[in-house]
Structure formats: C-alpha cells, structure tokens
Amino acid sequence: MKITIACVGKVKEKFYRDAIAEYSKRLSRYTKLEIVEVKDEKTPENASEAEETKIKEIEGERLLSKIPDSAYVIALAIEGEELTSVKLAVKIEELVLTGKSHIVFVIGGSLGLSQAVMKRADYSLSFSRMTFPHQLMRVILLEQVYRSFRIINHEPYHK
C-alpha cells in the first residue's frame, strides 16, 4: 500500500517539519508514504471571488497533475464527512481489502480546493467544521493515518 499526501505550499515552520518527519518515520513500518507539494499562488489582500476561484483552479491543476489515474483520492474539505479515528481506520482497511493500493489525500491551500479537484475525489473527508492552517493539517492527517494503522493492526495507542 502507498499513501500520498498531495498539498499546496511548503511547510516553513521547523516545529511542523519536525512533527511531519516524526509521523512519516512512524508510518514507514506500515506503508510507503510520499508527500508531494505543489506551488501555492499568492492571494491579493482584497481578492474578488473570481480571483480566488482562479487561484484555486491554478493550484487545483497543479495538484491534479500529481495524482495518478488509478489512485483513490480523499479530499480534505470542511464540507466532507466527519469520521471518528476508528471509522477512518475502517475506511482505510476497506480500501486495502477492495484492492485500492494507492490512496492520495489532498490538502488545499488557504482558499481550499478547486471544483476540479473535488470532482476528481472519490471521497471527501472533514476533520472539523473549523478551518486549520494547511501546515498543521498535514500533521493532524499524518497522526490520524498513523493512528489508523495502529488500530488496523490491533496495536495499542494512546486515546
């Protein structure tokens, strides 16, 4: 199984990079992990809705170019379905059992994901109705994927 996290922008803060590195290391015993970053677009201070849509479309095209046709795509979006950690683990396990060997989680930039990315997604997942910085979302996602593998393998993990 391979898991890819496709995301917009780079992680600048060392504490986020350290957390990402730690969870990446932990996950390496369960799955092949790849983190793919695409360039983010600068958003003008008072951008119009049309400008924001255009920015999301540009970032979306970059993301889509990194997603293989055969991959199962999970878009992280506020309007997605909220799952417990156990239900996320069940979802990942079901995907593996049904022959999905590559899962791509997609994290948008500050404006979210384009319609094209949402249309490509096989599933839309929400971690909360709140908005999180995309750098922090990488850490949260990696932790939950790691937790999922611990659950799937009936291994203890703090609650």
C-alpha atoms as a PDB file:
ATOM      1  CA  MET A   1       0.000   0.000   0.000  1.00  0.00           C
ATOM      2  CA  LYS A   2       1.104   3.526  -0.781  1.00  0.00           C
ATOM      3  CA  ILE A   3      -0.210   6.732   0.727  1.00  0.00           C
ATOM      4  CA  THR A   4       0.458  10.080  -0.863  1.00  0.00           C
ATOM      5  CA  ILE A   5      -0.328  13.443   0.656  1.00  0.00           C
ATOM      6  CA  ALA A   6      -0.671  15.994  -2.128  1.00  0.00           C
ATOM      7  CA  CYS A   7      -0.676  19.507  -0.760  1.00  0.00           C
ATOM      8  CA  VAL A   8      -0.358  23.145  -1.683  1.00  0.00           C
ATOM      9  CA  GLY A   9       2.600  25.123  -0.388  1.00  0.00           C
ATOM     10  CA  LYS A  10       5.675  24.404   1.665  1.00  0.00           C
ATOM     11  CA  VAL A  11       5.958  23.982   5.409  1.00  0.00           C
ATOM     12  CA  LYS A  12       8.117  26.812   6.722  1.00  0.00           C
ATOM     13  CA  GLU A  13       7.974  26.294  10.487  1.00  0.00           C
ATOM     14  CA  LYS A  14      10.532  23.882  11.948  1.00  0.00           C
ATOM     15  CA  PHE A  15       8.139  22.506  14.574  1.00  0.00           C
ATOM     16  CA  TYR A  16       5.693  21.433  11.851  1.00  0.00           C
ATOM     17  CA  ARG A  17       8.518  19.924   9.779  1.00  0.00           C
ATOM     18  CA  ASP A  18       9.739  18.022  12.846  1.00  0.00           C
ATOM     19  CA  ALA A  19       6.254  16.631  13.559  1.00  0.00           C
ATOM     20  CA  ILE A  20       5.790  15.661   9.897  1.00  0.00           C
ATOM     21  CA  ALA A  21       9.175  13.902   9.919  1.00  0.00           C
ATOM     22  CA  GLU A  22       8.303  12.019  13.117  1.00  0.00           C
ATOM     23  CA  TYR A  23       4.953  10.725  11.849  1.00  0.00           C
ATOM     24  CA  SER A  24       6.476   9.929   8.444  1.00  0.00           C
ATOM     25  CA  LYS A  25       9.101   7.812  10.221  1.00  0.00           C
ATOM     26  CA  ARG A  26       6.448   6.041  12.322  1.00  0.00           C
ATOM     27  CA  LEU A  27       4.314   5.341   9.255  1.00  0.00           C
ATOM     28  CA  SER A  28       7.239   3.834   7.332  1.00  0.00           C
ATOM     29  CA  ARG A  29       6.725   0.474   9.047  1.00  0.00           C
ATOM     30  CA  TYR A  30       3.148   0.261   7.747  1.00  0.00           C
ATOM     31  CA  THR A  31       3.075   1.900   4.334  1.00  0.00           C
ATOM     32  CA  LYS A  32       5.072   3.676   1.677  1.00  0.00           C
ATOM     33  CA  LEU A  33       4.457   7.382   2.281  1.00  0.00           C
ATOM     34  CA  GLU A  34       5.026  10.198  -0.152  1.00  0.00           C
ATOM     35  CA  ILE A  35       4.397  13.894   0.433  1.00  0.00           C
ATOM     36  CA  VAL A  36       4.026  15.902  -2.759  1.00  0.00           C
ATOM     37  CA  GLU A  37       3.993  19.683  -2.556  1.00  0.00           C
ATOM     38  CA  VAL A  38       2.824  21.988  -5.310  1.00  0.00           C
ATOM     39  CA  LYS A  39       3.483  25.715  -5.505  1.00  0.00           C
ATOM     40  CA  ASP A  40       0.903  27.975  -3.913  1.00  0.00           C
ATOM     41  CA  GLU A  41      -0.376  31.134  -5.560  1.00  0.00           C
ATOM     42  CA  LYS A  42      -0.212  34.475  -3.819  1.00  0.00           C
ATOM     43  CA  THR A  43      -3.668  35.769  -2.926  1.00  0.00           C
ATOM     44  CA  PRO A  44      -4.114  39.547  -3.120  1.00  0.00           C
ATOM     45  CA  GLU A  45      -5.355  41.185   0.103  1.00  0.00           C
ATOM     46  CA  ASN A  46      -8.825  42.068  -1.201  1.00  0.00           C
ATOM     47  CA  ALA A  47      -9.163  39.372  -3.842  1.00  0.00           C
ATOM     48  CA  SER A  48     -12.521  39.126  -5.558  1.00  0.00           C
ATOM     49  CA  GLU A  49     -14.430  35.856  -5.662  1.00  0.00           C
ATOM     50  CA  ALA A  50     -13.394  35.463  -9.313  1.00  0.00           C
ATOM     51  CA  GLU A  51      -9.711  35.959  -8.415  1.00  0.00           C
ATOM     52  CA  GLU A  52      -9.979  33.420  -5.585  1.00  0.00           C
ATOM     53  CA  THR A  53     -11.649  30.910  -7.914  1.00  0.00           C
ATOM     54  CA  LYS A  54      -8.857  31.393 -10.469  1.00  0.00           C
ATOM     55  CA  ILE A  55      -6.200  30.841  -7.780  1.00  0.00           C
ATOM     56  CA  LYS A  56      -7.920  27.632  -6.634  1.00  0.00           C
ATOM     57  CA  GLU A  57      -8.124  26.465 -10.258  1.00  0.00           C
ATOM     58  CA  ILE A  58      -4.381  27.040 -10.816  1.00  0.00           C
ATOM     59  CA  GLU A  59      -3.471  25.245  -7.589  1.00  0.00           C
ATOM     60  CA  GLY A  60      -6.001  22.531  -8.442  1.00  0.00           C
ATOM     61  CA  GLU A  61      -4.395  21.888 -11.841  1.00  0.00           C
ATOM     62  CA  ARG A  62      -1.034  21.508 -10.126  1.00  0.00           C
ATOM     63  CA  LEU A  63      -2.492  19.043  -7.620  1.00  0.00           C
ATOM     64  CA  LEU A  64      -4.317  17.028 -10.281  1.00  0.00           C
ATOM     65  CA  SER A  65      -1.113  16.683 -12.306  1.00  0.00           C
ATOM     66  CA  LYS A  66       0.410  14.809  -9.341  1.00  0.00           C
ATOM     67  CA  ILE A  67      -2.471  12.333  -8.858  1.00  0.00           C
ATOM     68  CA  PRO A  68      -2.272   9.030 -10.746  1.00  0.00           C
ATOM     69  CA  ASP A  69      -5.458   7.935 -12.512  1.00  0.00           C
ATOM     70  CA  SER A  70      -5.533   4.669 -10.579  1.00  0.00           C
ATOM     71  CA  ALA A  71      -5.311   6.294  -7.130  1.00  0.00           C
ATOM     72  CA  TYR A  72      -8.213   6.517  -4.699  1.00  0.00           C
ATOM     73  CA  VAL A  73      -8.479  10.219  -3.842  1.00  0.00           C
ATOM     74  CA  ILE A  74      -9.621  11.567  -0.485  1.00  0.00           C
ATOM     75  CA  ALA A  75     -10.076  15.343  -0.486  1.00  0.00           C
ATOM     76  CA  LEU A  76      -9.843  17.140   2.834  1.00  0.00           C
ATOM     77  CA  ALA A  77     -12.670  19.648   2.850  1.00  0.00           C
ATOM     78  CA  ILE A  78     -14.770  21.339   5.519  1.00  0.00           C
ATOM     79  CA  GLU A  79     -17.952  20.089   3.849  1.00  0.00           C
ATOM     80  CA  GLY A  80     -16.728  16.478   3.817  1.00  0.00           C
ATOM     81  CA  GLU A  81     -17.843  13.636   6.045  1.00  0.00           C
ATOM     82  CA  GLU A  82     -16.585  13.655   9.621  1.00  0.00           C
ATOM     83  CA  LEU A  83     -15.300  10.317  10.910  1.00  0.00           C
ATOM     84  CA  THR A  84     -14.031   9.033  14.219  1.00  0.00           C
ATOM     85  CA  SER A  85     -10.483   7.687  14.291  1.00  0.00           C
ATOM     86  CA  VAL A  86     -11.831   4.140  14.347  1.00  0.00           C
ATOM     87  CA  LYS A  87     -14.068   4.792  11.335  1.00  0.00           C
ATOM     88  CA  LEU A  88     -11.144   6.294   9.403  1.00  0.00           C
ATOM     89  CA  ALA A  89      -9.157   3.138  10.171  1.00  0.00           C
ATOM     90  CA  VAL A  90     -12.075   1.005   8.942  1.00  0.00           C
ATOM     91  CA  LYS A  91     -12.276   3.091   5.748  1.00  0.00           C
ATOM     92  CA  ILE A  92      -8.551   2.665   5.044  1.00  0.00           C
ATOM     93  CA  GLU A  93      -8.727  -1.062   5.767  1.00  0.00           C
ATOM     94  CA  GLU A  94     -11.774  -1.475   3.485  1.00  0.00           C
ATOM     95  CA  LEU A  95      -9.949   0.335   0.675  1.00  0.00           C
ATOM     96  CA  VAL A  96      -6.994  -2.019   1.025  1.00  0.00           C
ATOM     97  CA  LEU A  97      -9.260  -5.089   1.140  1.00  0.00           C
ATOM     98  CA  THR A  98     -11.057  -3.977  -2.038  1.00  0.00           C
ATOM     99  CA  GLY A  99      -7.784  -3.679  -3.943  1.00  0.00           C
ATOM    100  CA  LYS A 100      -7.034   0.020  -3.645  1.00  0.00           C
ATOM    101  CA  SER A 101      -3.257   0.029  -3.375  1.00  0.00           C
ATOM    102  CA  HIS A 102      -2.728   3.806  -3.581  1.00  0.00           C
ATOM    103  CA  ILE A 103      -4.599   6.395  -1.521  1.00  0.00           C
ATOM    104  CA  VAL A 104      -3.988  10.075  -2.158  1.00  0.00           C
ATOM    105  CA  PHE A 105      -5.080  12.572   0.486  1.00  0.00           C
ATOM    106  CA  VAL A 106      -5.368  16.097  -0.934  1.00  0.00           C
ATOM    107  CA  ILE A 107      -4.921  19.238   1.183  1.00  0.00           C
ATOM    108  CA  GLY A 108      -5.679  22.561  -0.473  1.00  0.00           C
ATOM    109  CA  GLY A 109      -4.121  25.927   0.113  1.00  0.00           C
ATOM    110  CA  SER A 110      -5.534  28.824   2.124  1.00  0.00           C
ATOM    111  CA  LEU A 111      -8.556  29.110  -0.185  1.00  0.00           C
ATOM    112  CA  GLY A 112      -9.383  25.408  -0.230  1.00  0.00           C
ATOM    113  CA  LEU A 113      -9.723  23.032  -3.171  1.00  0.00           C
ATOM    114  CA  SER A 114     -10.943  23.728  -6.698  1.00  0.00           C
ATOM    115  CA  GLN A 115     -14.125  22.219  -8.111  1.00  0.00           C
ATOM    116  CA  ALA A 116     -11.990  20.086 -10.441  1.00  0.00           C
ATOM    117  CA  VAL A 117     -10.148  18.519  -7.501  1.00  0.00           C
ATOM    118  CA  MET A 118     -13.411  17.936  -5.633  1.00  0.00           C
ATOM    119  CA  LYS A 119     -14.867  16.310  -8.749  1.00  0.00           C
ATOM    120  CA  ARG A 120     -11.823  14.012  -9.050  1.00  0.00           C
ATOM    121  CA  ALA A 121     -12.074  12.997  -5.390  1.00  0.00           C
ATOM    122  CA  ASP A 122     -13.577   9.613  -4.614  1.00  0.00           C
ATOM    123  CA  TYR A 123     -14.361  10.720  -1.067  1.00  0.00           C
ATOM    124  CA  SER A 124     -14.474  13.980   0.847  1.00  0.00           C
ATOM    125  CA  LEU A 125     -13.238  13.959   4.447  1.00  0.00           C
ATOM    126  CA  SER A 126     -13.606  16.663   7.074  1.00  0.00           C
ATOM    127  CA  PHE A 127     -11.634  16.788  10.285  1.00  0.00           C
ATOM    128  CA  SER A 128     -13.820  19.581  11.619  1.00  0.00           C
ATOM    129  CA  ARG A 129     -16.074  22.398  10.522  1.00  0.00           C
ATOM    130  CA  MET A 130     -13.253  24.688  11.634  1.00  0.00           C
ATOM    131  CA  THR A 131     -10.500  25.923   9.352  1.00  0.00           C
ATOM    132  CA  PHE A 132      -6.910  24.885  10.102  1.00  0.00           C
ATOM    133  CA  PRO A 133      -3.641  26.127   8.620  1.00  0.00           C
ATOM    134  CA  HIS A 134      -2.665  23.692   5.856  1.00  0.00           C
ATOM    135  CA  GLN A 135       0.724  23.100   7.518  1.00  0.00           C
ATOM    136  CA  LEU A 136      -0.982  21.980  10.743  1.00  0.00           C
ATOM    137  CA  MET A 137      -3.457  19.892   8.747  1.00  0.00           C
ATOM    138  CA  ARG A 138      -0.563  17.825   7.398  1.00  0.00           C
ATOM    139  CA  VAL A 139       0.490  16.986  10.943  1.00  0.00           C
ATOM    140  CA  ILE A 140      -3.074  16.164  12.011  1.00  0.00           C
ATOM    141  CA  LEU A 141      -3.629  13.998   8.928  1.00  0.00           C
ATOM    142  CA  LEU A 142      -0.359  12.104   9.383  1.00  0.00           C
ATOM    143  CA  GLU A 143      -1.154  11.486  13.046  1.00  0.00           C
ATOM    144  CA  GLN A 144      -4.610  10.139  12.183  1.00  0.00           C
ATOM    145  CA  VAL A 145      -3.280   7.911   9.396  1.00  0.00           C
ATOM    146  CA  TYR A 146      -0.660   6.579  11.818  1.00  0.00           C
ATOM    147  CA  ARG A 147      -3.379   6.022  14.429  1.00  0.00           C
ATOM    148  CA  SER A 148      -5.439   4.213  11.771  1.00  0.00           C
ATOM    149  CA  PHE A 149      -2.634   1.756  11.065  1.00  0.00           C
ATOM    150  CA  ARG A 150      -2.198   1.134  14.795  1.00  0.00           C
ATOM    151  CA  ILE A 151      -5.930   0.410  15.066  1.00  0.00           C
ATOM    152  CA  ILE A 152      -5.940  -1.823  11.961  1.00  0.00           C
ATOM    153  CA  ASN A 153      -3.035  -3.832  13.395  1.00  0.00           C
ATOM    154  CA  HIS A 154      -4.647  -4.071  16.866  1.00  0.00           C
ATOM    155  CA  GLU A 155      -1.714  -2.236  18.393  1.00  0.00           C
ATOM    156  CA  PRO A 156      -2.056  -0.001  21.440  1.00  0.00           C
ATOM    157  CA  TYR A 157      -2.090   3.734  21.001  1.00  0.00           C
ATOM    158  CA  HIS A 158      -2.963   6.470  23.459  1.00  0.00           C
ATOM    159  CA  LYS A 159      -6.562   7.634  23.473  1.00  0.00           C
END
